[in-house]
C-alpha atoms as a PDB file:
ATOM      1  CA  MET A   1     115.160  97.225  99.238  1.00  0.00           C
ATOM      2  CA  ILE A   2     115.293 101.046  99.415  1.00  0.00           C
ATOM      3  CA  ARG A   3     114.374 101.000  95.491  1.00  0.00           C
ATOM      4  CA  LEU A   4     111.301  99.095  96.277  1.00  0.00           C
ATOM      5  CA  LEU A   5     110.141 101.365  99.273  1.00  0.00           C
ATOM      6  CA  ILE A   6     110.695 104.534  96.686  1.00  0.00           C
ATOM      7  CA  VAL A   7     108.640 102.795  94.066  1.00  0.00           C
ATOM      8  CA  LEU A   8     105.781 102.017  96.589  1.00  0.00           C
ATOM      9  CA  VAL A   9     105.746 105.518  97.890  1.00  0.00           C
ATOM     10  CA  VAL A  10     105.540 106.835  94.057  1.00  0.00           C
ATOM     11  CA  VAL A  11     102.613 104.729  93.298  1.00  0.00           C
ATOM     12  CA  VAL A  12     100.719 105.579  96.433  1.00  0.00           C
ATOM     13  CA  ALA A  13     101.264 109.273  95.690  1.00  0.00           C
ATOM     14  CA  VAL A  14     100.262 108.853  91.982  1.00  0.00           C
ATOM     15  CA  ALA A  15      97.075 107.096  93.182  1.00  0.00           C
ATOM     16  CA  PHE A  16      96.343 109.662  95.709  1.00  0.00           C
ATOM     17  CA  TRP A  17      96.878 112.403  93.157  1.00  0.00           C
ATOM     18  CA  MET A  18      94.694 110.515  90.470  1.00  0.00           C
ATOM     19  CA  ASN A  19      91.862 110.012  93.042  1.00  0.00           C
ATOM     20  CA  HIS A  20      91.799 113.563  94.512  1.00  0.00           C
ATOM     21  CA  GLY A  21      93.388 115.857  92.133  1.00  0.00           C
ATOM     22  CA  SER A  22      91.119 115.325  89.289  1.00  0.00           C
ATOM     23  CA  HIS A  23      87.416 115.695  90.347  1.00  0.00           C
ATOM     24  CA  ASP A  24      84.987 115.102  87.559  1.00  0.00           C
ATOM     25  CA  SER A  25      82.168 117.815  88.084  1.00  0.00           C
ATOM     26  CA  SER A  26      80.592 117.199  84.788  1.00  0.00           C
ATOM     27  CA  GLY A  27      77.381 115.661  86.216  1.00  0.00           C
ATOM     28  CA  SER A  28      77.317 112.814  84.066  1.00  0.00           C
ATOM     29  CA  THR A  29      76.532 110.508  86.957  1.00  0.00           C
ATOM     30  CA  ALA A  30      72.819 109.633  87.121  1.00  0.00           C
ATOM     31  CA  ALA A  31      70.817 110.466  90.199  1.00  0.00           C
ATOM     32  CA  ARG A  32      70.220 106.891  91.320  1.00  0.00           C
ATOM     33  CA  PRO A  33      72.585 105.699  94.031  1.00  0.00           C
ATOM     34  CA  GLU A  34      72.967 102.191  92.572  1.00  0.00           C
ATOM     35  CA  VAL A  35      74.354 103.905  89.367  1.00  0.00           C
ATOM     36  CA  ARG A  36      76.660 106.111  91.168  1.00  0.00           C
ATOM     37  CA  TYR A  37      77.887 103.136  93.085  1.00  0.00           C
ATOM     38  CA  GLN A  38      78.523 101.129  90.012  1.00  0.00           C
ATOM     39  CA  GLU A  39      80.272 103.884  88.372  1.00  0.00           C
ATOM     40  CA  SER A  40      82.568 104.663  91.332  1.00  0.00           C
ATOM     41  CA  THR A  41      83.306 100.862  91.693  1.00  0.00           C
ATOM     42  CA  ARG A  42      84.315 100.633  88.252  1.00  0.00           C
ATOM     43  CA  LYS A  43      86.543 103.675  88.582  1.00  0.00           C
ATOM     44  CA  ALA A  44      88.050 102.277  91.609  1.00  0.00           C
ATOM     45  CA  GLN A  45      88.753  98.968  89.758  1.00  0.00           C
ATOM     46  CA  ASP A  46      90.307 100.708  86.860  1.00  0.00           C
ATOM     47  CA  LEU A  47      92.521 102.636  89.239  1.00  0.00           C
ATOM     48  CA  GLU A  48      93.511  99.443  90.966  1.00  0.00           C
ATOM     49  CA  ARG A  49      94.413  98.016  87.529  1.00  0.00           C
ATOM     50  CA  GLN A  50      96.426 101.027  86.659  1.00  0.00           C
ATOM     51  CA  MET A  51      98.217 100.958  89.854  1.00  0.00           C
ATOM     52  CA  GLN A  52      98.942  97.248  89.777  1.00  0.00           C
ATOM     53  CA  ASP A  53     100.325  97.638  86.121  1.00  0.00           C
ATOM     54  CA  GLN A  54     102.442 100.654  87.280  1.00  0.00           C
ATOM     55  CA  THR A  55     103.873  98.654  90.067  1.00  0.00           C
ATOM     56  CA  ARG A  56     104.730  95.582  88.003  1.00  0.00           C
ATOM     57  CA  GLN A  57     106.419  97.719  85.274  1.00  0.00           C
ATOM     58  CA  GLN A  58     108.522  99.561  87.890  1.00  0.00           C
ATOM     59  CA  LEU A  59     109.298  96.258  89.668  1.00  0.00           C
ATOM     60  CA  ASP A  60     110.265  94.628  86.362  1.00  0.00           C
ATOM     61  CA  ALA A  61     112.712  97.576  85.734  1.00  0.00           C
ATOM     62  CA  ILE A  62     114.268  97.301  88.938  1.00  0.00           C
ATOM     63  CA  ASP A  63     114.647  93.610  88.587  1.00  0.00           C
ATOM     64  CA  ALA A  64     116.035  94.047  85.134  1.00  0.00           C
ATOM     65  CA  ALA A  65     118.598  96.773  86.400  1.00  0.00           C
ATOM     66  CA  SER A  66     119.683  94.551  89.223  1.00  0.00           C
ATOM     67  CA  ASP A  67     120.795  91.639  87.034  1.00  0.00           C
END
């Protein structure tokens, strides 16, 4: 149970770092708000998929280690 808590804290920390630590100021986003919204939605979905994959991998590793 403690391991699961540690894994979740790490995943949240990585997600926070990825979201706030790497600002893209290249100006590639178009000026139209709907394009910015679509791009940010896509980035959020990609981040969510990455977090789910990381969590799944870490839980699988914990499960395998506990057998």
